[in-house]
Amino acid sequence: MAGRMQIAEILTLGRVVPVLTIERVEDAVPLAEALVAGGLPALEITFRTAAALDAVRAVATVPGAVPGVGTLTRTDEFAAAAAAGARFAVSPGFLPELAAAAGDMPYLPAVATASECMAARVAGFSCLKFFPAGPAGGIAALKALGGPFADLCFCPTGGVNADNAADYLALANVVCVGGSWVAPPDAVAAGDWARIERLARAAGGL
């Protein structure tokens, strides 16, 4: 793929990676346009709806957007994601089989424990999703992991919101956060793209 970016580069495109569960394909382009205009180009589109892959295809046409696929849990999903135009993939956990299946696609597996950090590091990963951030210990857990894993950086997701995102981002080992608050379901349903752009701008300034 021309212009391929590494996962570390993708994670530094914005302070927040919007986590999007898109129910209607027709929402994909205006949603992506609003988020990109607000300064959040890396977009994680979750594999939770029937519209997900078509939404990735649509977002891939939006100038400046860097679409990715989230909630990827099976090895065969990498090929489907790549064929749809996804430029990165995200999983809610870590498995060596998934790491191998990712091939050369930029990939962000998730960890929640020190043992998972060790396994992911052995597999060659230095950037990891920390999930579910809140239930897994939140800021205190990330501070503790920073000692033995000073070479790892994290994108905490799960329980991160507008009220606590800045506290996560203040940690030395946090490169960005993932969250859905920048695209509230009611705003998407109403087509209130101006509100979503404002939320994205606010998130980008954290």
C-alpha atoms as a PDB file:
ATOM      1  CA  MET A   1       0.000   0.000   0.000  1.00  0.00           C
ATOM      2  CA  ALA A   2       1.415   3.339  -1.034  1.00  0.00           C
ATOM      3  CA  GLY A   3       2.069   5.770   1.762  1.00  0.00           C
ATOM      4  CA  ARG A   4       1.896   3.113   4.469  1.00  0.00           C
ATOM      5  CA  MET A   5       2.408   4.515   7.960  1.00  0.00           C
ATOM      6  CA  GLN A   6       3.682   2.695  11.013  1.00  0.00           C
ATOM      7  CA  ILE A   7       1.320   2.330  13.954  1.00  0.00           C
ATOM      8  CA  ALA A   8       3.412   4.743  16.047  1.00  0.00           C
ATOM      9  CA  GLU A   9       2.960   7.415  13.372  1.00  0.00           C
ATOM     10  CA  ILE A  10      -0.781   6.830  13.162  1.00  0.00           C
ATOM     11  CA  LEU A  11      -1.157   7.175  16.920  1.00  0.00           C
ATOM     12  CA  THR A  12       0.517  10.580  16.868  1.00  0.00           C
ATOM     13  CA  LEU A  13      -1.829  12.028  14.234  1.00  0.00           C
ATOM     14  CA  GLY A  14      -4.161  13.262  16.984  1.00  0.00           C
ATOM     15  CA  ARG A  15      -4.485  13.255  20.743  1.00  0.00           C
ATOM     16  CA  VAL A  16      -7.614  11.126  20.438  1.00  0.00           C
ATOM     17  CA  VAL A  17      -8.440   8.175  18.186  1.00  0.00           C
ATOM     18  CA  PRO A  18     -12.231   8.237  17.785  1.00  0.00           C
ATOM     19  CA  VAL A  19     -13.767   4.795  18.333  1.00  0.00           C
ATOM     20  CA  LEU A  20     -16.737   4.644  15.976  1.00  0.00           C
ATOM     21  CA  THR A  21     -19.582   2.135  15.859  1.00  0.00           C
ATOM     22  CA  ILE A  22     -21.279   3.025  12.568  1.00  0.00           C
ATOM     23  CA  GLU A  23     -24.775   1.640  12.048  1.00  0.00           C
ATOM     24  CA  ARG A  24     -25.605   3.411   8.759  1.00  0.00           C
ATOM     25  CA  VAL A  25     -23.166   3.578   5.860  1.00  0.00           C
ATOM     26  CA  GLU A  26     -24.565   6.952   4.833  1.00  0.00           C
ATOM     27  CA  ASP A  27     -23.244   8.444   8.081  1.00  0.00           C
ATOM     28  CA  ALA A  28     -19.670   7.341   7.429  1.00  0.00           C
ATOM     29  CA  VAL A  29     -18.468  10.104   5.104  1.00  0.00           C
ATOM     30  CA  PRO A  30     -19.953  13.144   6.884  1.00  0.00           C
ATOM     31  CA  LEU A  31     -18.852  11.723  10.236  1.00  0.00           C
ATOM     32  CA  ALA A  32     -15.304  11.231   9.002  1.00  0.00           C
ATOM     33  CA  GLU A  33     -15.271  14.686   7.403  1.00  0.00           C
ATOM     34  CA  ALA A  34     -16.337  16.298  10.680  1.00  0.00           C
ATOM     35  CA  LEU A  35     -13.703  14.448  12.709  1.00  0.00           C
ATOM     36  CA  VAL A  36     -10.933  15.188  10.209  1.00  0.00           C
ATOM     37  CA  ALA A  37     -11.961  18.858  10.115  1.00  0.00           C
ATOM     38  CA  GLY A  38     -11.738  18.829  13.913  1.00  0.00           C
ATOM     39  CA  GLY A  39      -8.179  17.536  13.767  1.00  0.00           C
ATOM     40  CA  LEU A  40      -8.712  13.830  14.452  1.00  0.00           C
ATOM     41  CA  PRO A  41      -7.803  11.930  11.255  1.00  0.00           C
ATOM     42  CA  ALA A  42      -7.090   8.428  12.643  1.00  0.00           C
ATOM     43  CA  LEU A  43     -10.490   6.730  12.929  1.00  0.00           C
ATOM     44  CA  GLU A  44     -11.117   3.324  14.488  1.00  0.00           C
ATOM     45  CA  ILE A  45     -14.266   1.836  12.961  1.00  0.00           C
ATOM     46  CA  THR A  46     -15.359  -1.103  15.060  1.00  0.00           C
ATOM     47  CA  PHE A  47     -16.182  -4.506  13.584  1.00  0.00           C
ATOM     48  CA  ARG A  48     -19.441  -4.565  15.537  1.00  0.00           C
ATOM     49  CA  THR A  49     -22.031  -3.759  12.888  1.00  0.00           C
ATOM     50  CA  ALA A  50     -23.083  -5.092   9.518  1.00  0.00           C
ATOM     51  CA  ALA A  51     -22.155  -1.720   8.032  1.00  0.00           C
ATOM     52  CA  ALA A  52     -18.576  -1.708   9.328  1.00  0.00           C
ATOM     53  CA  LEU A  53     -16.671  -2.774   6.208  1.00  0.00           C
ATOM     54  CA  ASP A  54     -18.760  -0.612   3.886  1.00  0.00           C
ATOM     55  CA  ALA A  55     -18.164   2.268   6.292  1.00  0.00           C
ATOM     56  CA  VAL A  56     -14.403   1.709   6.059  1.00  0.00           C
ATOM     57  CA  ARG A  57     -14.655   1.756   2.258  1.00  0.00           C
ATOM     58  CA  ALA A  58     -16.534   5.035   2.400  1.00  0.00           C
ATOM     59  CA  VAL A  59     -14.185   6.664   4.917  1.00  0.00           C
ATOM     60  CA  ALA A  60     -11.189   5.632   2.812  1.00  0.00           C
ATOM     61  CA  THR A  61     -12.406   8.134   0.186  1.00  0.00           C
ATOM     62  CA  VAL A  62     -12.381  11.091   2.606  1.00  0.00           C
ATOM     63  CA  PRO A  63      -9.313  13.328   2.114  1.00  0.00           C
ATOM     64  CA  GLY A  64      -7.111  13.303   5.188  1.00  0.00           C
ATOM     65  CA  ALA A  65      -8.871  10.394   6.874  1.00  0.00           C
ATOM     66  CA  VAL A  66      -6.855   7.390   8.061  1.00  0.00           C
ATOM     67  CA  PRO A  67      -9.450   4.644   8.569  1.00  0.00           C
ATOM     68  CA  GLY A  68      -8.741   1.646  10.723  1.00  0.00           C
ATOM     69  CA  VAL A  69     -10.727  -1.362  11.886  1.00  0.00           C
ATOM     70  CA  GLY A  70     -11.281  -2.066  15.571  1.00  0.00           C
ATOM     71  CA  THR A  71     -12.582  -4.978  17.620  1.00  0.00           C
ATOM     72  CA  LEU A  72     -10.627  -7.309  15.352  1.00  0.00           C
ATOM     73  CA  THR A  73     -10.583 -10.732  17.045  1.00  0.00           C
ATOM     74  CA  ARG A  74     -10.140 -13.341  14.267  1.00  0.00           C
ATOM     75  CA  THR A  75      -7.259 -13.947  11.894  1.00  0.00           C
ATOM     76  CA  ASP A  76      -9.371 -13.808   8.729  1.00  0.00           C
ATOM     77  CA  GLU A  77     -10.565 -10.288   9.536  1.00  0.00           C
ATOM     78  CA  PHE A  78      -7.220  -8.702   8.591  1.00  0.00           C
ATOM     79  CA  ALA A  79      -7.663  -9.531   4.902  1.00  0.00           C
ATOM     80  CA  ALA A  80     -11.233  -8.221   4.896  1.00  0.00           C
ATOM     81  CA  ALA A  81     -10.123  -5.023   6.623  1.00  0.00           C
ATOM     82  CA  ALA A  82      -7.267  -4.456   4.192  1.00  0.00           C
ATOM     83  CA  ALA A  83      -9.500  -5.108   1.181  1.00  0.00           C
ATOM     84  CA  ALA A  84     -11.948  -2.489   2.460  1.00  0.00           C
ATOM     85  CA  GLY A  85      -9.192   0.112   2.664  1.00  0.00           C
ATOM     86  CA  ALA A  86      -8.317  -0.015   6.358  1.00  0.00           C
ATOM     87  CA  ARG A  87      -4.870   1.416   7.045  1.00  0.00           C
ATOM     88  CA  PHE A  88      -4.506  -0.022  10.538  1.00  0.00           C
ATOM     89  CA  ALA A  89      -6.149  -2.587  12.808  1.00  0.00           C
ATOM     90  CA  VAL A  90      -6.913  -2.687  16.525  1.00  0.00           C
ATOM     91  CA  SER A  91      -7.765  -5.629  18.779  1.00  0.00           C
ATOM     92  CA  PRO A  92      -9.221  -5.720  22.311  1.00  0.00           C
ATOM     93  CA  GLY A  93      -6.573  -8.249  23.396  1.00  0.00           C
ATOM     94  CA  PHE A  94      -3.306  -9.884  22.397  1.00  0.00           C
ATOM     95  CA  LEU A  95      -2.785 -13.262  20.705  1.00  0.00           C
ATOM     96  CA  PRO A  96       0.373 -14.394  18.874  1.00  0.00           C
ATOM     97  CA  GLU A  97      -1.860 -15.799  16.120  1.00  0.00           C
ATOM     98  CA  LEU A  98      -3.396 -12.392  15.480  1.00  0.00           C
ATOM     99  CA  ALA A  99       0.002 -10.703  15.579  1.00  0.00           C
ATOM    100  CA  ALA A 100       1.226 -13.109  12.906  1.00  0.00           C
ATOM    101  CA  ALA A 101      -1.904 -12.677  10.785  1.00  0.00           C
ATOM    102  CA  ALA A 102      -1.512  -8.899  10.775  1.00  0.00           C
ATOM    103  CA  GLY A 103       1.436  -9.233   8.419  1.00  0.00           C
ATOM    104  CA  ASP A 104       2.575  -5.779   7.365  1.00  0.00           C
ATOM    105  CA  MET A 105      -0.649  -4.004   8.349  1.00  0.00           C
ATOM    106  CA  PRO A 106      -0.026  -1.491  11.162  1.00  0.00           C
ATOM    107  CA  TYR A 107      -1.508  -3.234  14.183  1.00  0.00           C
ATOM    108  CA  LEU A 108      -2.391  -2.190  17.731  1.00  0.00           C
ATOM    109  CA  PRO A 109      -3.126  -5.151  19.991  1.00  0.00           C
ATOM    110  CA  ALA A 110      -4.408  -4.571  23.504  1.00  0.00           C
ATOM    111  CA  VAL A 111      -3.029  -5.538  26.903  1.00  0.00           C
ATOM    112  CA  ALA A 112      -4.335  -5.210  30.442  1.00  0.00           C
ATOM    113  CA  THR A 113      -1.621  -6.904  32.514  1.00  0.00           C
ATOM    114  CA  ALA A 114       2.147  -6.996  32.924  1.00  0.00           C
ATOM    115  CA  SER A 115       2.277 -10.547  31.542  1.00  0.00           C
ATOM    116  CA  GLU A 116       0.474  -9.432  28.379  1.00  0.00           C
ATOM    117  CA  CYS A 117       2.896  -6.520  28.039  1.00  0.00           C
ATOM    118  CA  MET A 118       5.784  -8.986  28.180  1.00  0.00           C
ATOM    119  CA  ALA A 119       4.207 -11.276  25.579  1.00  0.00           C
ATOM    120  CA  ALA A 120       3.455  -8.398  23.229  1.00  0.00           C
ATOM    121  CA  ARG A 121       6.947  -6.970  23.588  1.00  0.00           C
ATOM    122  CA  VAL A 122       8.495 -10.355  22.789  1.00  0.00           C
ATOM    123  CA  ALA A 123       6.316 -10.407  19.653  1.00  0.00           C
ATOM    124  CA  GLY A 124       7.860  -7.103  18.595  1.00  0.00           C
ATOM    125  CA  PHE A 125       5.256  -4.549  19.684  1.00  0.00           C
ATOM    126  CA  SER A 126       6.201  -1.315  21.398  1.00  0.00           C
ATOM    127  CA  CYS A 127       2.857   0.508  21.021  1.00  0.00           C
ATOM    128  CA  LEU A 128      -0.132  -1.122  22.671  1.00  0.00           C
ATOM    129  CA  LYS A 129      -3.743  -0.416  23.419  1.00  0.00           C
ATOM    130  CA  PHE A 130      -4.487  -0.506  27.169  1.00  0.00           C
ATOM    131  CA  PHE A 131      -7.979  -1.985  27.447  1.00  0.00           C
ATOM    132  CA  PRO A 132     -10.322  -1.797  29.203  1.00  0.00           C
ATOM    133  CA  ALA A 133      -8.487   1.166  30.701  1.00  0.00           C
ATOM    134  CA  GLY A 134     -10.883   2.032  33.509  1.00  0.00           C
ATOM    135  CA  PRO A 135     -11.623  -1.490  34.789  1.00  0.00           C
ATOM    136  CA  ALA A 136      -7.957  -2.501  34.331  1.00  0.00           C
ATOM    137  CA  GLY A 137      -6.759   0.114  36.794  1.00  0.00           C
ATOM    138  CA  GLY A 138      -6.749   3.312  34.803  1.00  0.00           C
ATOM    139  CA  ILE A 139      -4.104   5.941  35.417  1.00  0.00           C
ATOM    140  CA  ALA A 140      -2.635   4.172  38.458  1.00  0.00           C
ATOM    141  CA  ALA A 141      -2.091   0.978  36.447  1.00  0.00           C
ATOM    142  CA  LEU A 142      -0.423   2.830  33.576  1.00  0.00           C
ATOM    143  CA  LYS A 143       1.889   4.616  36.009  1.00  0.00           C
ATOM    144  CA  ALA A 144       2.858   1.260  37.527  1.00  0.00           C
ATOM    145  CA  LEU A 145       3.487  -0.308  34.093  1.00  0.00           C
ATOM    146  CA  GLY A 146       5.756   2.601  33.211  1.00  0.00           C
ATOM    147  CA  GLY A 147       8.435   1.295  35.558  1.00  0.00           C
ATOM    148  CA  PRO A 148       9.190  -2.167  34.156  1.00  0.00           C
ATOM    149  CA  PHE A 149       8.008  -1.245  30.647  1.00  0.00           C
ATOM    150  CA  ALA A 150       9.551   2.162  30.068  1.00  0.00           C
ATOM    151  CA  ASP A 151      10.054   1.271  26.389  1.00  0.00           C
ATOM    152  CA  LEU A 152       6.340   0.750  25.744  1.00  0.00           C
ATOM    153  CA  CYS A 153       3.748   3.383  24.838  1.00  0.00           C
ATOM    154  CA  PHE A 154       0.019   3.031  25.274  1.00  0.00           C
ATOM    155  CA  CYS A 155      -3.318   4.146  23.863  1.00  0.00           C
ATOM    156  CA  PRO A 156      -5.755   3.660  26.758  1.00  0.00           C
ATOM    157  CA  THR A 157      -9.334   2.969  25.694  1.00  0.00           C
ATOM    158  CA  GLY A 158     -12.424   1.983  27.648  1.00  0.00           C
ATOM    159  CA  GLY A 159     -13.722   4.385  30.261  1.00  0.00           C
ATOM    160  CA  VAL A 160     -11.763   7.297  28.797  1.00  0.00           C
ATOM    161  CA  ASN A 161     -13.909  10.396  28.326  1.00  0.00           C
ATOM    162  CA  ALA A 162     -13.812  14.174  28.090  1.00  0.00           C
ATOM    163  CA  ASP A 163     -13.476  14.479  31.868  1.00  0.00           C
ATOM    164  CA  ASN A 164     -10.429  12.232  32.346  1.00  0.00           C
ATOM    165  CA  ALA A 165      -8.694  12.157  28.954  1.00  0.00           C
ATOM    166  CA  ALA A 166      -6.302  14.974  29.864  1.00  0.00           C
ATOM    167  CA  ASP A 167      -5.166  13.059  32.956  1.00  0.00           C
ATOM    168  CA  TYR A 168      -4.353  10.009  30.839  1.00  0.00           C
ATOM    169  CA  LEU A 169      -2.577  12.136  28.232  1.00  0.00           C
ATOM    170  CA  ALA A 170      -0.395  13.694  30.933  1.00  0.00           C
ATOM    171  CA  LEU A 171       1.292  10.312  31.509  1.00  0.00           C
ATOM    172  CA  ALA A 172       4.699   9.896  29.881  1.00  0.00           C
ATOM    173  CA  ASN A 173       3.833   6.474  28.463  1.00  0.00           C
ATOM    174  CA  VAL A 174       0.510   7.523  26.883  1.00  0.00           C
ATOM    175  CA  VAL A 175       0.772   8.636  23.257  1.00  0.00           C
ATOM    176  CA  CYS A 176      -2.963   9.128  22.668  1.00  0.00           C
ATOM    177  CA  VAL A 177      -6.310   7.889  23.954  1.00  0.00           C
ATOM    178  CA  GLY A 178      -9.187   6.129  22.281  1.00  0.00           C
ATOM    179  CA  GLY A 179     -12.739   7.207  22.909  1.00  0.00           C
ATOM    180  CA  SER A 180     -16.249   7.417  21.555  1.00  0.00           C
ATOM    181  CA  TRP A 181     -17.315  10.646  23.253  1.00  0.00           C
ATOM    182  CA  VAL A 182     -16.264  12.740  20.241  1.00  0.00           C
ATOM    183  CA  ALA A 183     -19.027  11.112  18.168  1.00  0.00           C
ATOM    184  CA  PRO A 184     -22.070  10.762  20.450  1.00  0.00           C
ATOM    185  CA  PRO A 185     -24.760   8.444  19.032  1.00  0.00           C
ATOM    186  CA  ASP A 186     -27.425  11.141  19.316  1.00  0.00           C
ATOM    187  CA  ALA A 187     -25.305  13.596  17.308  1.00  0.00           C
ATOM    188  CA  VAL A 188     -24.649  10.977  14.628  1.00  0.00           C
ATOM    189  CA  ALA A 189     -28.335  10.022  14.473  1.00  0.00           C
ATOM    190  CA  ALA A 190     -29.305  13.685  14.122  1.00  0.00           C
ATOM    191  CA  GLY A 191     -26.606  14.405  11.549  1.00  0.00           C
ATOM    192  CA  ASP A 192     -25.208  17.114  13.814  1.00  0.00           C
ATOM    193  CA  TRP A 193     -21.783  17.111  12.196  1.00  0.00           C
ATOM    194  CA  ALA A 194     -21.012  20.632  13.447  1.00  0.00           C
ATOM    195  CA  ARG A 195     -21.300  19.411  17.043  1.00  0.00           C
ATOM    196  CA  ILE A 196     -19.024  16.474  16.308  1.00  0.00           C
ATOM    197  CA  GLU A 197     -16.459  18.786  14.718  1.00  0.00           C
ATOM    198  CA  ARG A 198     -16.544  20.985  17.843  1.00  0.00           C
ATOM    199  CA  LEU A 199     -16.047  17.954  20.087  1.00  0.00           C
ATOM    200  CA  ALA A 200     -13.145  16.816  17.935  1.00  0.00           C
ATOM    201  CA  ARG A 201     -11.498  20.249  18.109  1.00  0.00           C
ATOM    202  CA  ALA A 202     -11.870  20.263  21.879  1.00  0.00           C
ATOM    203  CA  ALA A 203     -10.403  16.760  22.130  1.00  0.00           C
ATOM    204  CA  GLY A 204      -7.507  17.700  19.882  1.00  0.00           C
ATOM    205  CA  GLY A 205      -6.609  20.502  22.240  1.00  0.00           C
ATOM    206  CA  LEU A 206      -6.236  18.279  25.291  1.00  0.00           C
END
